[in-house]
Amino acid sequence: MQIKSLFENYTKLYPNEIDSLRLLSEQLDQSDDDITSRKNFIGHMTVSAFVINEHIKQVLLLEHKSLAKLLQPGGHVEKNDESLLAATLREIEEETGLKIADLNLRPISPRDREVPFDVDTHYIPENPKKGEPGHYHHDFRYVYTTENNNVAIDPTESNNYRWVDWGQFAELPNFTKVADKIETILEPNLRIRI
């Protein structure tokens, strides 16, 4: 996987985010540790997807079992994932039951569909049950649209799911920044259509 080049292309699109992604940048420049390995407890890659039904103007969020938060589908990159997009599609299917045929990627860069629309580094607290110290996730995020509302959650990962109205989603503190970015990707603009 060409994570460093994807990150470089991302920061060309969003140079104002370089400071907030310094840890990821340093890891990509200096570390020999596999940044996709979940055993890398400095920080490691995750992927996630904002799945949006444009027809009903709603975003799919999952009630995460261990974090007790509403989050977009996503998770760790695995060794057999051929790309970050493949990892994202695998995670969507595992967590929601939605298949690749149900999903339409909405890339930020038509020339390089793998470039995420958002990269977020966030702290994950220690998990004694898993024997994991506190560490960082470097989450590469993508946008998919769908017309399928039939979701079948993985009960080991999520307690429930919700299709959240766009206006409500855009006001949630954790999603305000990404909502603005998503609006630049989707055409016509969701706020105009509401």
C-alpha atoms as a PDB file:
ATOM      1  CA  MET A   1       0.000   0.000   0.000  1.00  0.00           C
ATOM      2  CA  GLN A   2       1.226   3.446  -0.844  1.00  0.00           C
ATOM      3  CA  ILE A   3       0.154   5.181   2.350  1.00  0.00           C
ATOM      4  CA  LYS A   4       2.894   7.811   2.313  1.00  0.00           C
ATOM      5  CA  SER A   5       2.026   8.969  -1.216  1.00  0.00           C
ATOM      6  CA  LEU A   6      -1.697   9.045  -0.350  1.00  0.00           C
ATOM      7  CA  PHE A   7      -0.894  11.138   2.708  1.00  0.00           C
ATOM      8  CA  GLU A   8       1.277  13.507   0.637  1.00  0.00           C
ATOM      9  CA  ASN A   9      -1.500  13.917  -1.939  1.00  0.00           C
ATOM     10  CA  TYR A  10      -3.977  14.525   0.874  1.00  0.00           C
ATOM     11  CA  THR A  11      -1.840  17.256   2.454  1.00  0.00           C
ATOM     12  CA  LYS A  12      -1.526  18.958  -0.949  1.00  0.00           C
ATOM     13  CA  LEU A  13      -5.310  19.245  -0.930  1.00  0.00           C
ATOM     14  CA  TYR A  14      -5.453  20.276   2.745  1.00  0.00           C
ATOM     15  CA  PRO A  15      -2.140  21.973   3.652  1.00  0.00           C
ATOM     16  CA  ASN A  16      -3.765  23.634   6.678  1.00  0.00           C
ATOM     17  CA  GLU A  17      -4.058  20.184   8.333  1.00  0.00           C
ATOM     18  CA  ILE A  18      -0.345  19.338   8.291  1.00  0.00           C
ATOM     19  CA  ASP A  19       0.212  20.478  11.900  1.00  0.00           C
ATOM     20  CA  SER A  20      -2.654  18.388  13.284  1.00  0.00           C
ATOM     21  CA  LEU A  21      -1.299  15.312  11.457  1.00  0.00           C
ATOM     22  CA  ARG A  22       2.327  15.711  12.562  1.00  0.00           C
ATOM     23  CA  LEU A  23       2.484  12.362  14.410  1.00  0.00           C
ATOM     24  CA  LEU A  24       1.348  10.484  11.297  1.00  0.00           C
ATOM     25  CA  SER A  25       3.803  12.426   9.153  1.00  0.00           C
ATOM     26  CA  GLU A  26       6.669  11.639  11.526  1.00  0.00           C
ATOM     27  CA  GLN A  27       5.736   7.962  11.640  1.00  0.00           C
ATOM     28  CA  LEU A  28       5.638   7.766   7.849  1.00  0.00           C
ATOM     29  CA  ASP A  29       9.036   9.503   7.595  1.00  0.00           C
ATOM     30  CA  GLN A  30      10.930   7.793  10.403  1.00  0.00           C
ATOM     31  CA  SER A  31       9.439   4.515  11.515  1.00  0.00           C
ATOM     32  CA  ASP A  32      10.333   1.081  10.249  1.00  0.00           C
ATOM     33  CA  ASP A  33       7.379  -0.306  12.203  1.00  0.00           C
ATOM     34  CA  ASP A  34       4.429  -1.313  10.066  1.00  0.00           C
ATOM     35  CA  ILE A  35       1.977   1.563  10.355  1.00  0.00           C
ATOM     36  CA  THR A  36      -0.895  -0.755   9.433  1.00  0.00           C
ATOM     37  CA  SER A  37      -0.120  -3.167  12.298  1.00  0.00           C
ATOM     38  CA  ARG A  38      -2.442  -2.858  15.255  1.00  0.00           C
ATOM     39  CA  LYS A  39       0.568  -3.852  17.395  1.00  0.00           C
ATOM     40  CA  ASN A  40       2.182  -0.497  16.569  1.00  0.00           C
ATOM     41  CA  PHE A  41       1.257   1.339  19.761  1.00  0.00           C
ATOM     42  CA  ILE A  42       2.676   4.684  18.761  1.00  0.00           C
ATOM     43  CA  GLY A  43      -0.113   4.882  16.221  1.00  0.00           C
ATOM     44  CA  HIS A  44      -1.507   2.800  13.406  1.00  0.00           C
ATOM     45  CA  MET A  45      -3.796   3.077  10.405  1.00  0.00           C
ATOM     46  CA  THR A  46      -7.520   2.606  10.427  1.00  0.00           C
ATOM     47  CA  VAL A  47     -10.065   3.248   7.698  1.00  0.00           C
ATOM     48  CA  SER A  48     -13.661   4.356   7.877  1.00  0.00           C
ATOM     49  CA  ALA A  49     -16.522   5.376   5.636  1.00  0.00           C
ATOM     50  CA  PHE A  50     -19.357   7.822   5.777  1.00  0.00           C
ATOM     51  CA  VAL A  51     -22.199   5.983   4.055  1.00  0.00           C
ATOM     52  CA  ILE A  52     -24.858   8.407   2.887  1.00  0.00           C
ATOM     53  CA  ASN A  53     -28.256   7.812   1.362  1.00  0.00           C
ATOM     54  CA  GLU A  54     -28.650  10.942  -0.734  1.00  0.00           C
ATOM     55  CA  HIS A  55     -32.309  10.202  -1.544  1.00  0.00           C
ATOM     56  CA  ILE A  56     -33.396  10.350   2.080  1.00  0.00           C
ATOM     57  CA  LYS A  57     -30.555  12.699   3.108  1.00  0.00           C
ATOM     58  CA  GLN A  58     -29.279  10.499   5.922  1.00  0.00           C
ATOM     59  CA  VAL A  59     -25.907   9.224   7.150  1.00  0.00           C
ATOM     60  CA  LEU A  60     -25.406   5.726   8.572  1.00  0.00           C
ATOM     61  CA  LEU A  61     -23.889   5.722  12.068  1.00  0.00           C
ATOM     62  CA  LEU A  62     -23.213   2.737  14.305  1.00  0.00           C
ATOM     63  CA  GLU A  63     -23.481   2.661  18.089  1.00  0.00           C
ATOM     64  CA  HIS A  64     -19.957   1.419  18.868  1.00  0.00           C
ATOM     65  CA  LYS A  65     -19.975  -1.327  21.489  1.00  0.00           C
ATOM     66  CA  SER A  66     -16.798  -0.547  23.447  1.00  0.00           C
ATOM     67  CA  LEU A  67     -16.600   3.236  22.925  1.00  0.00           C
ATOM     68  CA  ALA A  68     -20.361   3.832  23.455  1.00  0.00           C
ATOM     69  CA  LYS A  69     -20.417   6.483  20.709  1.00  0.00           C
ATOM     70  CA  LEU A  70     -22.130   6.922  17.374  1.00  0.00           C
ATOM     71  CA  LEU A  71     -19.438   6.364  14.752  1.00  0.00           C
ATOM     72  CA  GLN A  72     -19.142   5.702  11.049  1.00  0.00           C
ATOM     73  CA  PRO A  73     -18.332   2.108   9.966  1.00  0.00           C
ATOM     74  CA  GLY A  74     -14.623   1.334   9.960  1.00  0.00           C
ATOM     75  CA  GLY A  75     -11.755  -0.454  11.561  1.00  0.00           C
ATOM     76  CA  HIS A  76      -8.222  -1.754  11.278  1.00  0.00           C
ATOM     77  CA  VAL A  77      -6.354  -2.485   8.072  1.00  0.00           C
ATOM     78  CA  GLU A  78      -5.584  -6.199   7.764  1.00  0.00           C
ATOM     79  CA  LYS A  79      -2.628  -7.888   6.065  1.00  0.00           C
ATOM     80  CA  ASN A  80      -4.763  -9.385   3.314  1.00  0.00           C
ATOM     81  CA  ASP A  81      -6.326  -6.017   2.375  1.00  0.00           C
ATOM     82  CA  GLU A  82      -5.013  -5.070  -1.063  1.00  0.00           C
ATOM     83  CA  SER A  83      -5.637  -1.361  -0.553  1.00  0.00           C
ATOM     84  CA  LEU A  84      -7.169   1.102   1.881  1.00  0.00           C
ATOM     85  CA  LEU A  85     -10.337   1.146  -0.215  1.00  0.00           C
ATOM     86  CA  ALA A  86     -10.496  -2.653  -0.050  1.00  0.00           C
ATOM     87  CA  ALA A  87     -10.116  -2.437   3.740  1.00  0.00           C
ATOM     88  CA  THR A  88     -12.891   0.153   3.884  1.00  0.00           C
ATOM     89  CA  LEU A  89     -15.263  -1.971   1.794  1.00  0.00           C
ATOM     90  CA  ARG A  90     -14.490  -5.034   3.922  1.00  0.00           C
ATOM     91  CA  GLU A  91     -15.231  -3.083   7.116  1.00  0.00           C
ATOM     92  CA  ILE A  92     -18.497  -1.697   5.720  1.00  0.00           C
ATOM     93  CA  GLU A  93     -19.671  -5.171   4.765  1.00  0.00           C
ATOM     94  CA  GLU A  94     -18.609  -6.718   8.088  1.00  0.00           C
ATOM     95  CA  GLU A  95     -20.246  -4.002  10.185  1.00  0.00           C
ATOM     96  CA  THR A  96     -23.365  -3.181   8.144  1.00  0.00           C
ATOM     97  CA  GLY A  97     -23.995  -6.026   5.698  1.00  0.00           C
ATOM     98  CA  LEU A  98     -23.917  -3.554   2.782  1.00  0.00           C
ATOM     99  CA  LYS A  99     -22.170  -5.055  -0.254  1.00  0.00           C
ATOM    100  CA  ILE A 100     -19.827  -3.434  -2.752  1.00  0.00           C
ATOM    101  CA  ALA A 101     -22.670  -3.423  -5.300  1.00  0.00           C
ATOM    102  CA  ASP A 102     -24.695  -1.262  -2.863  1.00  0.00           C
ATOM    103  CA  LEU A 103     -21.987   1.407  -2.605  1.00  0.00           C
ATOM    104  CA  ASN A 104     -20.706   4.213  -4.787  1.00  0.00           C
ATOM    105  CA  LEU A 105     -17.354   5.772  -3.829  1.00  0.00           C
ATOM    106  CA  ARG A 106     -17.351   9.567  -3.999  1.00  0.00           C
ATOM    107  CA  PRO A 107     -13.632  10.387  -4.232  1.00  0.00           C
ATOM    108  CA  ILE A 108     -12.062  13.708  -3.349  1.00  0.00           C
ATOM    109  CA  SER A 109      -9.616  13.272  -6.237  1.00  0.00           C
ATOM    110  CA  PRO A 110     -10.938  11.708  -9.452  1.00  0.00           C
ATOM    111  CA  ARG A 111      -7.336  11.096 -10.582  1.00  0.00           C
ATOM    112  CA  ASP A 112      -6.488   9.115  -7.450  1.00  0.00           C
ATOM    113  CA  ARG A 113      -9.572   7.522  -5.954  1.00  0.00           C
ATOM    114  CA  GLU A 114      -7.569   6.163  -2.969  1.00  0.00           C
ATOM    115  CA  VAL A 115      -6.861   9.638  -1.557  1.00  0.00           C
ATOM    116  CA  PRO A 116      -9.143   9.995   1.481  1.00  0.00           C
ATOM    117  CA  PHE A 117     -11.398  13.008   1.842  1.00  0.00           C
ATOM    118  CA  ASP A 118     -10.363  13.258   5.499  1.00  0.00           C
ATOM    119  CA  VAL A 119      -7.540  12.024   7.725  1.00  0.00           C
ATOM    120  CA  ASP A 120      -8.023  12.161  11.465  1.00  0.00           C
ATOM    121  CA  THR A 121      -5.525  11.246  14.184  1.00  0.00           C
ATOM    122  CA  HIS A 122      -7.252  10.560  17.488  1.00  0.00           C
ATOM    123  CA  TYR A 123      -6.312   8.995  20.796  1.00  0.00           C
ATOM    124  CA  ILE A 124      -7.627   5.556  21.771  1.00  0.00           C
ATOM    125  CA  PRO A 125      -7.634   4.916  25.527  1.00  0.00           C
ATOM    126  CA  GLU A 126      -5.987   1.892  27.106  1.00  0.00           C
ATOM    127  CA  ASN A 127      -7.975  -1.332  26.794  1.00  0.00           C
ATOM    128  CA  PRO A 128      -6.909  -3.771  29.543  1.00  0.00           C
ATOM    129  CA  LYS A 129      -9.282  -6.474  28.204  1.00  0.00           C
ATOM    130  CA  LYS A 130      -7.299  -6.554  24.959  1.00  0.00           C
ATOM    131  CA  GLY A 131      -3.960  -5.848  26.620  1.00  0.00           C
ATOM    132  CA  GLU A 132      -3.567  -2.656  24.604  1.00  0.00           C
ATOM    133  CA  PRO A 133      -1.987   0.530  25.955  1.00  0.00           C
ATOM    134  CA  GLY A 134      -3.336   3.916  24.940  1.00  0.00           C
ATOM    135  CA  HIS A 135      -2.320   4.752  21.374  1.00  0.00           C
ATOM    136  CA  TYR A 136      -3.339   6.734  18.308  1.00  0.00           C
ATOM    137  CA  HIS A 137      -5.429   5.811  15.303  1.00  0.00           C
ATOM    138  CA  HIS A 138      -4.656   7.490  11.988  1.00  0.00           C
ATOM    139  CA  ASP A 139      -8.049   7.163  10.319  1.00  0.00           C
ATOM    140  CA  PHE A 140      -8.238   7.496   6.519  1.00  0.00           C
ATOM    141  CA  ARG A 141     -11.867   8.344   5.731  1.00  0.00           C
ATOM    142  CA  TYR A 142     -13.912   7.914   2.568  1.00  0.00           C
ATOM    143  CA  VAL A 143     -17.422   8.835   1.391  1.00  0.00           C
ATOM    144  CA  TYR A 144     -19.804   6.338  -0.172  1.00  0.00           C
ATOM    145  CA  THR A 145     -23.370   6.833  -1.286  1.00  0.00           C
ATOM    146  CA  THR A 146     -26.020   4.126  -1.326  1.00  0.00           C
ATOM    147  CA  GLU A 147     -29.688   3.620  -2.048  1.00  0.00           C
ATOM    148  CA  ASN A 148     -29.894   0.548   0.200  1.00  0.00           C
ATOM    149  CA  ASN A 149     -31.157   1.117   3.745  1.00  0.00           C
ATOM    150  CA  ASN A 150     -31.149  -2.566   4.735  1.00  0.00           C
ATOM    151  CA  VAL A 151     -28.457  -2.787   7.399  1.00  0.00           C
ATOM    152  CA  ALA A 152     -27.470  -5.883   9.362  1.00  0.00           C
ATOM    153  CA  ILE A 153     -25.025  -4.902  12.113  1.00  0.00           C
ATOM    154  CA  ASP A 154     -22.361  -7.135  13.601  1.00  0.00           C
ATOM    155  CA  PRO A 155     -23.501  -7.446  17.258  1.00  0.00           C
ATOM    156  CA  THR A 156     -19.906  -8.024  18.388  1.00  0.00           C
ATOM    157  CA  GLU A 157     -18.974  -4.550  17.086  1.00  0.00           C
ATOM    158  CA  SER A 158     -22.116  -2.439  17.479  1.00  0.00           C
ATOM    159  CA  ASN A 159     -25.153  -2.253  19.719  1.00  0.00           C
ATOM    160  CA  ASN A 160     -27.361  -0.632  17.107  1.00  0.00           C
ATOM    161  CA  TYR A 161     -27.375   1.616  14.046  1.00  0.00           C
ATOM    162  CA  ARG A 162     -29.127   4.796  13.016  1.00  0.00           C
ATOM    163  CA  TRP A 163     -29.753   6.604   9.776  1.00  0.00           C
ATOM    164  CA  VAL A 164     -29.205  10.174  10.975  1.00  0.00           C
ATOM    165  CA  ASP A 165     -30.785  13.107   9.140  1.00  0.00           C
ATOM    166  CA  TRP A 166     -28.172  15.245   7.412  1.00  0.00           C
ATOM    167  CA  GLY A 167     -28.990  18.404   9.379  1.00  0.00           C
ATOM    168  CA  GLN A 168     -28.620  16.576  12.692  1.00  0.00           C
ATOM    169  CA  PHE A 169     -25.404  14.878  11.560  1.00  0.00           C
ATOM    170  CA  ALA A 170     -23.863  18.182  10.449  1.00  0.00           C
ATOM    171  CA  GLU A 171     -24.503  19.639  13.918  1.00  0.00           C
ATOM    172  CA  LEU A 172     -22.957  16.784  15.925  1.00  0.00           C
ATOM    173  CA  PRO A 173     -19.670  18.071  17.439  1.00  0.00           C
ATOM    174  CA  ASN A 174     -17.634  15.063  16.256  1.00  0.00           C
ATOM    175  CA  PHE A 175     -18.820  15.474  12.671  1.00  0.00           C
ATOM    176  CA  THR A 176     -19.035  19.222  11.975  1.00  0.00           C
ATOM    177  CA  LYS A 177     -15.656  19.359  10.203  1.00  0.00           C
ATOM    178  CA  VAL A 178     -16.279  16.261   8.094  1.00  0.00           C
ATOM    179  CA  ALA A 179     -19.820  17.386   7.235  1.00  0.00           C
ATOM    180  CA  ASP A 180     -18.377  20.511   5.629  1.00  0.00           C
ATOM    181  CA  LYS A 181     -15.907  18.379   3.652  1.00  0.00           C
ATOM    182  CA  ILE A 182     -18.568  15.897   2.600  1.00  0.00           C
ATOM    183  CA  GLU A 183     -20.693  18.745   1.273  1.00  0.00           C
ATOM    184  CA  THR A 184     -17.869  19.750  -1.077  1.00  0.00           C
ATOM    185  CA  ILE A 185     -17.800  16.202  -2.489  1.00  0.00           C
ATOM    186  CA  LEU A 186     -21.505  15.565  -2.967  1.00  0.00           C
ATOM    187  CA  GLU A 187     -23.295  17.294  -5.774  1.00  0.00           C
ATOM    188  CA  PRO A 188     -25.683  18.933  -5.574  1.00  0.00           C
ATOM    189  CA  ASN A 189     -24.780  20.289  -2.165  1.00  0.00           C
ATOM    190  CA  LEU A 190     -26.786  18.568   0.579  1.00  0.00           C
ATOM    191  CA  ARG A 191     -27.585  21.805   2.430  1.00  0.00           C
ATOM    192  CA  ILE A 192     -29.019  23.306  -0.725  1.00  0.00           C
ATOM    193  CA  ARG A 193     -31.269  20.267  -1.233  1.00  0.00           C
ATOM    194  CA  ILE A 194     -32.614  20.206   2.322  1.00  0.00           C
END
